[in-house]
Amino acid sequence: MSGKTPYVFNIQHFSTHDGPGVRTTIFFKGCPLRCEWCHNPESQLFTPEIMTDKDGKVQHVGQQYTIDELVKDVLKDHMIYDQSGGGVTLSGGEVLAMDHDYIMELVRRLDEQEISIGIDTCGVAASKTVEEMCDYADFFLYDLKFIDDDLHKRYTGGSNHLVLKNLKILAENNARIFLRLIMLPGINTDKDMIERTMLWLRANHIPVEQVDILPYHKYGMDKYAKLGRKAIYFEVPSDEQMNEVKSEIEKFYDNVTIGG
């Protein structure tokens, strides 16, 4: 297979949390960021890995698929997509950081089959790819980590300049945007930070269809040990904290959910 063929670490059928309806979510392996709270650390590297549990059981993570193989796989559920208003969501890792030609050919093939396409992205991708994707994607699940660049650099390992630029590109192309905000108590849940984020969105005319506030959780933290890495833990927000954040965002947007 071509070296440009990306690796996939999971294909999840019957997903109901990655966009409207029942969907098949394809998780591509590799991400330019290193979010300290990442609950899928096996998604970070662009190359295959091995996960080993405490009993010595080995799991190989990362498999290459041809575009024909992926299209054939997702077409199995075409009737379910039609009945539920669902489709296919491309996620990661960071799907838009995969080989440009591969990803664009994949979405063209899905589009030919009249399958709804969703893109789950952190926005750290070539602006050319983001703009071209607007011709095919029905919506974007946009993970805006921090509006503050210093916080973004500290906790993700990279700047948010490209993230914000690409969010503006989506707005200019009239994309459907479902904004996703990770909530980390003591870091980005205070009223001032929420207001600063919302005011930036308003000032830049970002047409957000829905805001999903996602509470930090510790699910999947055992994967770090299986990969031989050390996990970093944060405070888990309470229901009260999440409801307070929701109330603040509802001053700007009507459609706000907790958990997506």
Protein backbone atom coordinates (compact mmCIF):
# COMPACT_ATOMS: atom_id res chain seq x y z
CA MET A 1 0.00 0.00 0.00
CA SER A 2 1.07 3.55 -0.63
CA GLY A 3 2.91 5.29 2.16
CA LYS A 4 0.30 8.02 1.84
CA THR A 5 -2.48 5.69 2.97
CA PRO A 6 -3.36 6.72 6.53
CA TYR A 7 -3.95 4.36 9.40
CA VAL A 8 -7.34 3.81 11.03
CA PHE A 9 -7.57 2.74 14.66
CA ASN A 10 -11.32 2.19 14.91
CA ILE A 11 -14.46 1.99 12.81
CA GLN A 12 -17.50 2.43 15.01
CA HIS A 13 -20.85 1.45 13.57
CA PHE A 14 -24.20 2.57 15.02
CA SER A 15 -22.70 5.70 16.60
CA THR A 16 -25.20 8.26 17.94
CA HIS A 17 -22.77 10.83 19.37
CA ASP A 18 -20.92 12.00 16.26
CA GLY A 19 -23.60 14.01 14.50
CA PRO A 20 -27.27 13.64 13.53
CA GLY A 21 -28.86 10.21 13.23
CA VAL A 22 -27.13 6.84 13.35
CA ARG A 23 -23.64 7.06 11.90
CA THR A 24 -20.51 5.10 11.17
CA THR A 25 -17.49 6.92 12.59
CA ILE A 26 -14.06 6.25 11.12
CA PHE A 27 -11.23 7.17 13.47
CA PHE A 28 -8.00 8.02 11.66
CA LYS A 29 -4.71 7.65 13.50
CA GLY A 30 -2.51 10.71 13.94
CA CYS A 31 -2.94 14.18 15.39
CA PRO A 32 -0.77 17.33 15.36
CA LEU A 33 -1.85 18.20 18.92
CA ARG A 34 -1.03 16.55 22.24
CA CYS A 35 -3.97 17.45 24.46
CA GLU A 36 -3.03 16.51 28.00
CA TRP A 37 -6.53 15.16 28.72
CA CYS A 38 -6.76 13.03 25.55
CA HIS A 39 -8.78 9.90 26.29
CA ASN A 40 -7.67 8.21 23.05
CA PRO A 41 -3.86 8.42 23.28
CA GLU A 42 -3.60 5.66 20.69
CA SER A 43 -4.92 8.23 18.20
CA GLN A 44 -1.96 10.58 18.50
CA LEU A 45 0.82 8.95 16.46
CA PHE A 46 0.47 8.61 12.69
CA THR A 47 2.06 5.15 12.79
CA PRO A 48 0.91 1.76 14.16
CA GLU A 49 1.41 0.99 17.84
CA ILE A 50 1.10 -1.90 20.26
CA MET A 51 -0.95 -1.75 23.44
CA THR A 52 -0.14 -4.31 26.14
CA ASP A 53 -2.40 -4.87 29.15
CA LYS A 54 -1.30 -5.99 32.61
CA ASP A 55 -1.83 -9.63 31.66
CA GLY A 56 0.48 -9.30 28.69
CA LYS A 57 -2.28 -9.37 26.09
CA VAL A 58 -1.14 -7.47 22.99
CA GLN A 59 -3.36 -5.31 20.80
CA HIS A 60 -2.13 -3.93 17.49
CA VAL A 61 -3.43 -0.40 16.88
CA GLY A 62 -3.58 1.01 13.37
CA GLN A 63 -4.66 -0.59 10.11
CA GLN A 64 -4.54 0.68 6.55
CA TYR A 65 -7.62 0.53 4.38
CA THR A 66 -8.02 1.27 0.72
CA ILE A 67 -10.74 3.75 -0.13
CA ASP A 68 -12.69 0.90 -1.75
CA GLU A 69 -12.55 -1.07 1.51
CA LEU A 70 -13.81 1.84 3.61
CA VAL A 71 -16.63 2.69 1.21
CA LYS A 72 -17.70 -0.96 1.05
CA ASP A 73 -17.72 -1.15 4.85
CA VAL A 74 -19.85 1.95 5.44
CA LEU A 75 -22.29 1.09 2.64
CA LYS A 76 -23.46 -1.91 4.70
CA ASP A 77 -25.49 0.53 6.81
CA HIS A 78 -26.79 2.75 4.00
CA MET A 79 -30.42 1.89 4.81
CA ILE A 80 -29.90 2.84 8.46
CA TYR A 81 -28.44 6.20 7.44
CA ASP A 82 -31.46 6.89 5.26
CA GLN A 83 -33.96 5.90 7.95
CA SER A 84 -32.28 7.85 10.78
CA GLY A 85 -30.92 10.87 8.93
CA GLY A 86 -27.41 9.65 9.70
CA GLY A 87 -24.31 8.96 7.67
CA VAL A 88 -20.54 8.76 8.07
CA THR A 89 -18.39 10.88 10.36
CA LEU A 90 -14.65 11.10 9.76
CA SER A 91 -12.76 11.61 13.00
CA GLY A 92 -9.39 10.97 14.59
CA GLY A 93 -6.85 11.77 15.69
CA GLU A 94 -7.24 14.56 13.17
CA VAL A 95 -8.80 13.45 9.91
CA LEU A 96 -7.91 16.68 8.08
CA ALA A 97 -4.22 16.08 8.85
CA MET A 98 -4.26 12.86 6.83
CA ASP A 99 -3.02 12.72 3.23
CA HIS A 100 -4.99 15.36 1.33
CA ASP A 101 -5.56 13.35 -1.84
CA TYR A 102 -6.69 10.26 0.10
CA ILE A 103 -9.21 12.12 2.26
CA MET A 104 -10.62 14.18 -0.58
CA GLU A 105 -11.05 11.09 -2.75
CA LEU A 106 -12.78 9.32 0.16
CA VAL A 107 -15.31 12.12 0.66
CA ARG A 108 -15.92 12.33 -3.10
CA ARG A 109 -16.71 8.63 -3.17
CA LEU A 110 -19.04 8.90 -0.17
CA ASP A 111 -20.73 11.89 -1.75
CA GLU A 112 -21.33 9.90 -4.95
CA GLN A 113 -23.19 7.36 -2.81
CA GLU A 114 -25.33 10.19 -1.37
CA ILE A 115 -24.06 9.52 2.14
CA SER A 116 -24.12 12.38 4.64
CA ILE A 117 -20.57 13.32 5.64
CA GLY A 118 -19.56 14.79 8.99
CA ILE A 119 -16.05 15.99 9.86
CA ASP A 120 -14.82 15.93 13.46
CA THR A 121 -11.81 18.27 13.62
CA CYS A 122 -9.64 20.25 16.02
CA GLY A 123 -8.97 22.72 13.21
CA VAL A 124 -5.21 22.15 13.02
CA ALA A 125 -5.09 21.36 9.32
CA ALA A 126 -4.18 22.94 6.01
CA SER A 127 -6.67 25.70 5.23
CA LYS A 128 -6.84 24.45 1.64
CA THR A 129 -8.14 21.11 2.88
CA VAL A 130 -10.66 22.77 5.19
CA GLU A 131 -12.00 24.95 2.38
CA GLU A 132 -12.24 22.10 -0.12
CA MET A 133 -13.98 19.94 2.46
CA CYS A 134 -16.82 22.46 2.63
CA ASP A 135 -17.97 21.22 -0.79
CA TYR A 136 -18.63 17.75 0.62
CA ALA A 137 -19.20 17.86 4.38
CA ASP A 138 -22.76 18.33 5.64
CA PHE A 139 -21.48 19.54 8.99
CA PHE A 140 -18.34 20.00 11.09
CA LEU A 141 -17.91 18.97 14.71
CA TYR A 142 -15.40 21.66 15.61
CA ASP A 143 -13.33 21.11 18.76
CA LEU A 144 -12.31 24.53 20.00
CA LYS A 145 -9.99 23.76 22.90
CA PHE A 146 -9.15 27.26 24.16
CA ILE A 147 -9.78 30.76 22.86
CA ASP A 148 -6.66 31.82 24.77
CA ASP A 149 -3.51 31.02 22.78
CA ASP A 150 -1.28 30.66 25.84
CA LEU A 151 -3.62 28.06 27.35
CA HIS A 152 -3.83 26.31 24.00
CA LYS A 153 -0.06 26.05 23.75
CA ARG A 154 0.31 24.93 27.35
CA TYR A 155 -2.28 22.15 27.32
CA THR A 156 -2.27 20.98 23.68
CA GLY A 157 1.30 21.66 22.60
CA GLY A 158 0.29 23.96 19.75
CA SER A 159 -1.04 27.42 18.94
CA ASN A 160 -4.71 28.11 18.21
CA HIS A 161 -3.99 30.60 15.40
CA LEU A 162 -4.73 28.06 12.65
CA VAL A 163 -7.72 26.76 14.61
CA LEU A 164 -9.34 30.19 14.65
CA LYS A 165 -8.39 30.91 11.03
CA ASN A 166 -10.01 27.69 9.83
CA LEU A 167 -13.12 28.35 11.90
CA LYS A 168 -13.48 31.65 10.04
CA ILE A 169 -13.05 29.80 6.73
CA LEU A 170 -15.93 27.50 7.64
CA ALA A 171 -18.06 30.53 8.47
CA GLU A 172 -17.21 32.19 5.15
CA ASN A 173 -18.29 29.01 3.36
CA ASN A 174 -21.60 28.82 5.26
CA ALA A 175 -20.70 25.49 6.82
CA ARG A 176 -22.90 23.90 9.47
CA ILE A 177 -20.83 24.15 12.66
CA PHE A 178 -21.43 22.15 15.81
CA LEU A 179 -18.99 23.69 18.29
CA ARG A 180 -17.49 21.39 20.91
CA LEU A 181 -15.93 22.79 24.06
CA ILE A 182 -14.02 20.61 26.53
CA MET A 183 -14.64 21.75 30.11
CA LEU A 184 -11.71 21.68 32.54
CA PRO A 185 -12.52 23.15 35.98
CA GLY A 186 -10.10 25.83 37.10
CA ILE A 187 -8.79 26.27 33.57
CA ASN A 188 -11.57 27.30 31.21
CA THR A 189 -14.90 27.06 33.04
CA ASP A 190 -14.94 30.50 34.64
CA LYS A 191 -17.43 33.13 33.51
CA ASP A 192 -14.79 35.45 32.01
CA MET A 193 -13.29 32.71 29.79
CA ILE A 194 -16.71 31.57 28.59
CA GLU A 195 -17.72 35.15 27.80
CA ARG A 196 -14.44 35.81 26.00
CA THR A 197 -15.01 32.75 23.81
CA MET A 198 -18.59 33.67 22.98
CA LEU A 199 -17.70 37.28 22.19
CA TRP A 200 -14.97 36.16 19.80
CA LEU A 201 -17.47 33.94 17.98
CA ARG A 202 -19.95 36.79 17.76
CA ALA A 203 -17.35 39.35 16.63
CA ASN A 204 -16.20 37.03 13.86
CA HIS A 205 -19.72 36.11 12.75
CA ILE A 206 -19.31 32.39 13.34
CA PRO A 207 -22.72 30.75 12.67
CA VAL A 208 -22.76 28.07 15.35
CA GLU A 209 -25.74 25.73 14.96
CA GLN A 210 -25.17 23.97 18.26
CA VAL A 211 -22.76 24.23 21.19
CA ASP A 212 -21.82 20.95 22.88
CA ILE A 213 -20.04 21.38 26.20
CA LEU A 214 -18.07 18.26 27.03
CA PRO A 215 -17.12 17.53 30.63
CA TYR A 216 -13.61 16.18 31.11
CA HIS A 217 -13.69 12.50 32.08
CA LYS A 218 -11.19 9.82 32.99
CA TYR A 219 -12.51 7.12 30.66
CA GLY A 220 -9.75 5.55 28.64
CA MET A 221 -6.94 6.72 30.92
CA ASP A 222 -5.83 3.09 31.35
CA LYS A 223 -4.73 3.18 27.71
CA TYR A 224 -1.69 5.24 28.67
CA ALA A 225 -0.30 2.39 30.77
CA LYS A 226 -0.94 -0.03 27.92
CA LEU A 227 1.10 2.26 25.66
CA GLY A 228 3.85 2.70 28.25
CA ARG A 229 3.01 6.36 28.80
CA LYS A 230 2.02 8.39 31.84
CA ALA A 231 -1.49 9.82 32.02
CA ILE A 232 -2.20 13.36 33.26
CA TYR A 233 -5.35 13.84 35.31
CA PHE A 234 -7.61 16.86 35.66
CA GLU A 235 -10.54 17.66 37.89
CA VAL A 236 -13.84 16.19 36.73
CA PRO A 237 -16.49 18.95 36.58
CA SER A 238 -19.60 18.57 38.71
CA ASP A 239 -23.11 18.68 37.31
CA GLU A 240 -23.50 22.07 38.97
CA GLN A 241 -20.40 23.45 37.22
CA MET A 242 -21.58 22.14 33.85
CA ASN A 243 -25.02 23.68 34.31
CA GLU A 244 -23.43 27.02 35.22
CA VAL A 245 -21.36 26.94 32.03
CA LYS A 246 -24.45 26.00 30.03
CA SER A 247 -26.34 28.98 31.47
CA GLU A 248 -23.54 31.36 30.54
CA ILE A 249 -23.39 30.09 26.94
CA GLU A 250 -27.17 30.27 26.62
CA LYS A 251 -26.85 34.04 26.95
CA PHE A 252 -25.40 33.86 23.43
CA TYR A 253 -26.79 30.64 21.87
CA ASP A 254 -30.10 28.83 22.28
CA ASN A 255 -29.02 25.33 21.29
CA VAL A 256 -26.59 24.21 24.02
CA THR A 257 -26.11 20.61 25.13
CA ILE A 258 -24.08 18.93 27.85
CA GLY A 259 -22.17 15.94 26.54
CA GLY A 260 -22.99 16.39 22.85
